[in-house]
Amino acid sequence: MNNKENELKDNGHADKEQNQQNIDDAAINFNSDDSLAGTTHLNDELASEEDDRIQKLTEELKEANDKYLRLAAEFDNYRKRNAKERNELIKSAGEDVIKSLLDILDDSERAAQQLELSDDIKTNKEGVFLVFNKLKNVLQGRGLKAMESKEQEFNPELHEAITEIPAPTEALQGKVLDEVQKGYFLNDKIIRHAKVVVGK
């Protein structure tokens, strides 16, 4: 009888331990499922934040790209407009100079007719000088200035030496003795070098 009671007691104790083990396992499983649910929820939040960030960066990139395209188009328009204005300025500048020379062309034609009709050398000479002076004044009014070279020190930046000849005096050595072709400045910029003969 005692053995029977002991056996029942041991079985009851074993069942009790088994039940406790089952409860502990269930608690562990429950906690584990709860932890997984929390991790899944955290992963969903992180994924949502990442999607928002990607969308924001995509919008910023699109906006920057639009700005770049607009700026490139504006620059291209500016470049074309500037080139067109420059061409028009060059054309109109040439037109302006030619218009100012038309009066001199008219005077030259009248002078040529006068030379054919008249043998009066003095009158013809005066007419030619009038046309020449008018041309000179128009060009000077446009900023043209003749270079003074004769008896000046030879300067390779201003002069182009055609030849060298012995200088008549020691003071003229290395200086311009004769001017074969005049040099000119336009608004202080050299537009033609003087062709000169230099003393040695």
Foldseek 3Di string as FASTA:
>chain_A
DVVVVVVVVVVVVVVVVVVVVVVVVVVVVVVVVVVVVVVVVVVVVVVVVVVVVVVVVVVVVVVVVVVVVVVVVVVVVVVVVVVVVVVVVVVVVVVVLVVLCVVLVVLVVVLVVCVVVDPPPVVSVVSVVVSVVSVVVSVVVQQKDWDDAALAADDVVAADEPEEDADPDPSQANGFHAWPAIWMDRNNHTPGHTYTYGHD
